[in-house]
Each structure stands twice: as C-alpha cells, then as structure tokens.
C-alpha cells in the first residue's frame, strides 16, 4: 500500500509538472501572438502615415504645378525659360523621389503585413499543436486510469 501511494504521488507530481509546462508554453505563445499583433498595428499605423505623407506631397505637387502653369504665361525671356526648365526638372526629380519613397513604403508595408500574417499563422499552428498535445495528454491520463 505504501508502494502504491508512493507511485501515485510520483505520477501526480509528473502530471502536475507536465501541466505546468504546458500552461507556461501556452502563455509564451499567447505573448508572442500579442507581440505580433502589436507589431502589426504599429506597422499599419506607419503605412497609413506614409500614405498620408505621399498624398500630401502629391497635393502640394499639384498646387505647385498649377501655380507654375499660371506663372508660365507671364514669362517671356530666354533666361526665365531656362529657369523654368531647371525648376521643372527639379520638380520632376522631386516627384520621382517622392513616388519612389511611396513605392518603397508600400513595399515595406506589404512585407510587414506578410510577416504579421506569418507570425499569426505560426501562433495559430502552435496553439493547434498545444491543443493536440493537451488532448493526447488527457487521453494518456484516461488510459492510465
């Protein structure tokens, strides 16, 4: 009877340790999921900020083009034409740089979104594996009893 009690106590300690380890693992996976979600929110905010900046730059560019067109009517001399041409080239360069920055920001946002989705899938897969492990553990416990 003492031997049975000793074995039962050891089994209970092992089961308790296994349950504690599973609970710790579930908590770590939940923390990873929460971190991934927070990272996704921050990335989404950054993407929206960059999109707003790109839209504002586009609006300023459109206003500048309209002002430039109005000024164009008043310009007559060769020097003014050369200055206008240089300004247009600079504006075109700036628009191209802003467009490139917008494209880079969108690509970065896509990559971040893909990373977030990958992390969420990993977290879901880990949760599924944890559930399967709990079910196996429960089945093993039932089989022992």
C-alpha atoms as a PDB file:
ATOM      1  CA  UNK A   1       0.000   0.000   0.000  1.00  0.00           C
ATOM      2  CA  UNK A   2       2.896   2.366   0.790  1.00  0.00           C
ATOM      3  CA  UNK A   3       4.468   1.496  -2.563  1.00  0.00           C
ATOM      4  CA  UNK A   4       1.175   2.230  -4.391  1.00  0.00           C
ATOM      5  CA  UNK A   5       0.857   5.548  -2.572  1.00  0.00           C
ATOM      6  CA  UNK A   6       4.453   6.429  -3.438  1.00  0.00           C
ATOM      7  CA  UNK A   7       3.870   5.596  -7.149  1.00  0.00           C
ATOM      8  CA  UNK A   8       0.609   7.552  -7.186  1.00  0.00           C
ATOM      9  CA  UNK A   9       2.327  10.562  -5.620  1.00  0.00           C
ATOM     10  CA  UNK A  10       5.172  10.426  -8.194  1.00  0.00           C
ATOM     11  CA  UNK A  11       2.649  10.165 -11.061  1.00  0.00           C
ATOM     12  CA  UNK A  12       0.716  13.123  -9.662  1.00  0.00           C
ATOM     13  CA  UNK A  13       3.930  15.171  -9.413  1.00  0.00           C
ATOM     14  CA  UNK A  14       4.861  14.272 -13.016  1.00  0.00           C
ATOM     15  CA  UNK A  15       1.380  15.136 -14.276  1.00  0.00           C
ATOM     16  CA  UNK A  16       1.404  18.408 -12.337  1.00  0.00           C
ATOM     17  CA  UNK A  17       4.841  19.304 -13.789  1.00  0.00           C
ATOM     18  CA  UNK A  18       3.648  18.471 -17.317  1.00  0.00           C
ATOM     19  CA  UNK A  19       0.532  20.606 -16.870  1.00  0.00           C
ATOM     20  CA  UNK A  20       2.610  23.496 -15.549  1.00  0.00           C
ATOM     21  CA  UNK A  21       4.963  23.238 -18.537  1.00  0.00           C
ATOM     22  CA  UNK A  22       2.012  23.215 -20.950  1.00  0.00           C
ATOM     23  CA  UNK A  23       0.492  26.242 -19.246  1.00  0.00           C
ATOM     24  CA  UNK A  24       3.827  28.062 -19.473  1.00  0.00           C
ATOM     25  CA  UNK A  25       4.119  27.194 -23.170  1.00  0.00           C
ATOM     26  CA  UNK A  26       0.555  28.404 -23.860  1.00  0.00           C
ATOM     27  CA  UNK A  27       1.313  31.665 -22.070  1.00  0.00           C
ATOM     28  CA  UNK A  28       4.522  32.158 -24.096  1.00  0.00           C
ATOM     29  CA  UNK A  29       2.633  31.508 -27.347  1.00  0.00           C
ATOM     30  CA  UNK A  30      -0.092  33.953 -26.331  1.00  0.00           C
ATOM     31  CA  UNK A  31       2.558  36.576 -25.522  1.00  0.00           C
ATOM     32  CA  UNK A  32       4.168  36.006 -28.928  1.00  0.00           C
ATOM     33  CA  UNK A  33       0.791  36.399 -30.609  1.00  0.00           C
ATOM     34  CA  UNK A  34       0.121  39.647 -28.715  1.00  0.00           C
ATOM     35  CA  UNK A  35       3.552  40.997 -29.648  1.00  0.00           C
ATOM     36  CA  UNK A  36       2.918  40.088 -33.300  1.00  0.00           C
ATOM     37  CA  UNK A  37      -0.455  41.841 -33.246  1.00  0.00           C
ATOM     38  CA  UNK A  38       1.026  44.980 -31.653  1.00  0.00           C
ATOM     39  CA  UNK A  39       3.804  44.959 -34.244  1.00  0.00           C
ATOM     40  CA  UNK A  40       1.177  44.637 -36.991  1.00  0.00           C
ATOM     41  CA  UNK A  41      -0.756  47.612 -35.570  1.00  0.00           C
ATOM     42  CA  UNK A  42       2.387  49.723 -35.450  1.00  0.00           C
ATOM     43  CA  UNK A  43       3.326  48.737 -38.995  1.00  0.00           C
ATOM     44  CA  UNK A  44      -0.209  49.550 -40.184  1.00  0.00           C
ATOM     45  CA  UNK A  45      -0.006  52.981 -38.492  1.00  0.00           C
ATOM     46  CA  UNK A  46       3.354  53.575 -40.151  1.00  0.00           C
ATOM     47  CA  UNK A  47       1.934  52.587 -43.541  1.00  0.00           C
ATOM     48  CA  UNK A  48      -1.008  54.948 -43.080  1.00  0.00           C
ATOM     49  CA  UNK A  49       1.325  57.774 -42.042  1.00  0.00           C
ATOM     50  CA  UNK A  50       3.463  57.217 -45.120  1.00  0.00           C
ATOM     51  CA  UNK A  51       0.399  57.098 -47.360  1.00  0.00           C
ATOM     52  CA  UNK A  52      -0.870  60.371 -45.872  1.00  0.00           C
ATOM     53  CA  UNK A  53       2.548  61.935 -46.432  1.00  0.00           C
ATOM     54  CA  UNK A  54       2.591  60.707 -50.034  1.00  0.00           C
ATOM     55  CA  UNK A  55      -0.922  62.092 -50.629  1.00  0.00           C
ATOM     56  CA  UNK A  56       0.043  65.434 -49.099  1.00  0.00           C
ATOM     57  CA  UNK A  57       3.155  65.565 -51.276  1.00  0.00           C
ATOM     58  CA  UNK A  58       1.033  64.772 -54.326  1.00  0.00           C
ATOM     59  CA  UNK A  59      -1.431  67.548 -53.399  1.00  0.00           C
ATOM     60  CA  UNK A  60       1.425  70.051 -52.909  1.00  0.00           C
ATOM     61  CA  UNK A  61       2.895  68.966 -56.221  1.00  0.00           C
ATOM     62  CA  UNK A  62      -0.440  69.525 -57.962  1.00  0.00           C
ATOM     63  CA  UNK A  63      -0.767  73.002 -56.430  1.00  0.00           C
ATOM     64  CA  UNK A  64       2.784  73.811 -57.427  1.00  0.00           C
ATOM     65  CA  UNK A  65       2.124  72.648 -60.992  1.00  0.00           C
ATOM     66  CA  UNK A  66      -0.949  74.905 -61.160  1.00  0.00           C
ATOM     67  CA  UNK A  67       0.999  77.901 -59.824  1.00  0.00           C
ATOM     68  CA  UNK A  68       3.776  77.087 -62.193  1.00  0.00           C
ATOM     69  CA  UNK A  69       1.365  77.000 -65.152  1.00  0.00           C
ATOM     70  CA  UNK A  70      -0.038  80.430 -64.189  1.00  0.00           C
ATOM     71  CA  UNK A  71       3.466  81.842 -63.858  1.00  0.00           C
ATOM     72  CA  UNK A  72       4.396  80.339 -67.213  1.00  0.00           C
ATOM     73  CA  UNK A  73       2.033  82.704 -69.017  1.00  0.00           C
ATOM     74  CA  UNK A  74       3.918  85.704 -67.551  1.00  0.00           C
ATOM     75  CA  UNK A  75       7.415  84.525 -68.524  1.00  0.00           C
ATOM     76  CA  UNK A  76       8.940  85.836 -71.764  1.00  0.00           C
ATOM     77  CA  UNK A  77      12.699  85.994 -71.693  1.00  0.00           C
ATOM     78  CA  UNK A  78      15.158  83.216 -72.528  1.00  0.00           C
ATOM     79  CA  UNK A  79      16.603  83.443 -69.007  1.00  0.00           C
ATOM     80  CA  UNK A  80      13.168  82.933 -67.481  1.00  0.00           C
ATOM     81  CA  UNK A  81      12.578  79.989 -69.833  1.00  0.00           C
ATOM     82  CA  UNK A  82      15.878  78.435 -68.722  1.00  0.00           C
ATOM     83  CA  UNK A  83      14.972  78.966 -65.072  1.00  0.00           C
ATOM     84  CA  UNK A  84      11.550  77.415 -65.644  1.00  0.00           C
ATOM     85  CA  UNK A  85      13.105  74.442 -67.365  1.00  0.00           C
ATOM     86  CA  UNK A  86      15.512  73.909 -64.474  1.00  0.00           C
ATOM     87  CA  UNK A  87      12.668  74.233 -61.958  1.00  0.00           C
ATOM     88  CA  UNK A  88      10.569  71.705 -63.901  1.00  0.00           C
ATOM     89  CA  UNK A  89      13.460  69.275 -63.971  1.00  0.00           C
ATOM     90  CA  UNK A  90      13.926  69.701 -60.226  1.00  0.00           C
ATOM     91  CA  UNK A  91      10.197  69.258 -59.585  1.00  0.00           C
ATOM     92  CA  UNK A  92      10.116  66.181 -61.804  1.00  0.00           C
ATOM     93  CA  UNK A  93      13.088  64.800 -59.912  1.00  0.00           C
ATOM     94  CA  UNK A  94      11.390  65.564 -56.598  1.00  0.00           C
ATOM     95  CA  UNK A  95       8.105  63.975 -57.749  1.00  0.00           C
ATOM     96  CA  UNK A  96      10.022  60.894 -58.866  1.00  0.00           C
ATOM     97  CA  UNK A  97      11.810  60.713 -55.498  1.00  0.00           C
ATOM     98  CA  UNK A  98       8.501  61.092 -53.627  1.00  0.00           C
ATOM     99  CA  UNK A  99       6.917  58.405 -55.828  1.00  0.00           C
ATOM    100  CA  UNK A 100       9.887  56.123 -55.174  1.00  0.00           C
ATOM    101  CA  UNK A 101       9.568  56.758 -51.424  1.00  0.00           C
ATOM    102  CA  UNK A 102       5.850  55.986 -51.619  1.00  0.00           C
ATOM    103  CA  UNK A 103       6.551  52.753 -53.515  1.00  0.00           C
ATOM    104  CA  UNK A 104       9.225  51.755 -51.008  1.00  0.00           C
ATOM    105  CA  UNK A 105       6.821  52.497 -48.146  1.00  0.00           C
ATOM    106  CA  UNK A 106       4.098  50.389 -49.784  1.00  0.00           C
ATOM    107  CA  UNK A 107       6.528  47.508 -50.385  1.00  0.00           C
ATOM    108  CA  UNK A 108       7.698  47.760 -46.773  1.00  0.00           C
ATOM    109  CA  UNK A 109       4.076  47.727 -45.622  1.00  0.00           C
ATOM    110  CA  UNK A 110       3.376  44.643 -47.743  1.00  0.00           C
ATOM    111  CA  UNK A 111       6.414  42.877 -46.306  1.00  0.00           C
ATOM    112  CA  UNK A 112       5.417  43.827 -42.759  1.00  0.00           C
ATOM    113  CA  UNK A 113       1.855  42.622 -43.402  1.00  0.00           C
ATOM    114  CA  UNK A 114       3.224  39.317 -44.765  1.00  0.00           C
ATOM    115  CA  UNK A 115       5.437  38.995 -41.695  1.00  0.00           C
ATOM    116  CA  UNK A 116       2.491  39.670 -39.390  1.00  0.00           C
ATOM    117  CA  UNK A 117       0.391  37.086 -41.206  1.00  0.00           C
ATOM    118  CA  UNK A 118       3.253  34.569 -40.983  1.00  0.00           C
ATOM    119  CA  UNK A 119       3.553  35.192 -37.241  1.00  0.00           C
ATOM    120  CA  UNK A 120      -0.185  34.845 -36.774  1.00  0.00           C
ATOM    121  CA  UNK A 121      -0.170  31.569 -38.712  1.00  0.00           C
ATOM    122  CA  UNK A 122       2.736  30.338 -36.581  1.00  0.00           C
ATOM    123  CA  UNK A 123       0.897  31.300 -33.401  1.00  0.00           C
ATOM    124  CA  UNK A 124      -2.256  29.526 -34.589  1.00  0.00           C
ATOM    125  CA  UNK A 125      -0.248  26.442 -35.543  1.00  0.00           C
ATOM    126  CA  UNK A 126       1.440  26.437 -32.125  1.00  0.00           C
ATOM    127  CA  UNK A 127      -1.972  26.792 -30.470  1.00  0.00           C
ATOM    128  CA  UNK A 128      -3.305  23.881 -32.544  1.00  0.00           C
ATOM    129  CA  UNK A 129      -0.286  21.733 -31.601  1.00  0.00           C
ATOM    130  CA  UNK A 130      -0.774  22.664 -27.949  1.00  0.00           C
ATOM    131  CA  UNK A 131      -4.441  21.643 -28.153  1.00  0.00           C
ATOM    132  CA  UNK A 132      -3.461  18.303 -29.734  1.00  0.00           C
ATOM    133  CA  UNK A 133      -0.837  17.760 -27.038  1.00  0.00           C
ATOM    134  CA  UNK A 134      -3.379  18.504 -24.302  1.00  0.00           C
ATOM    135  CA  UNK A 135      -5.806  16.034 -25.876  1.00  0.00           C
ATOM    136  CA  UNK A 136      -3.097  13.373 -26.144  1.00  0.00           C
ATOM    137  CA  UNK A 137      -2.113  14.032 -22.544  1.00  0.00           C
ATOM    138  CA  UNK A 138      -5.727  13.736 -21.426  1.00  0.00           C
ATOM    139  CA  UNK A 139      -6.132  10.534 -23.451  1.00  0.00           C
ATOM    140  CA  UNK A 140      -2.943   9.132 -21.882  1.00  0.00           C
ATOM    141  CA  UNK A 141      -4.248  10.047 -18.440  1.00  0.00           C
ATOM    142  CA  UNK A 142      -7.572   8.356 -19.158  1.00  0.00           C
ATOM    143  CA  UNK A 143      -5.734   5.274 -20.402  1.00  0.00           C
ATOM    144  CA  UNK A 144      -3.671   5.158 -17.198  1.00  0.00           C
ATOM    145  CA  UNK A 145      -6.774   5.427 -15.037  1.00  0.00           C
END
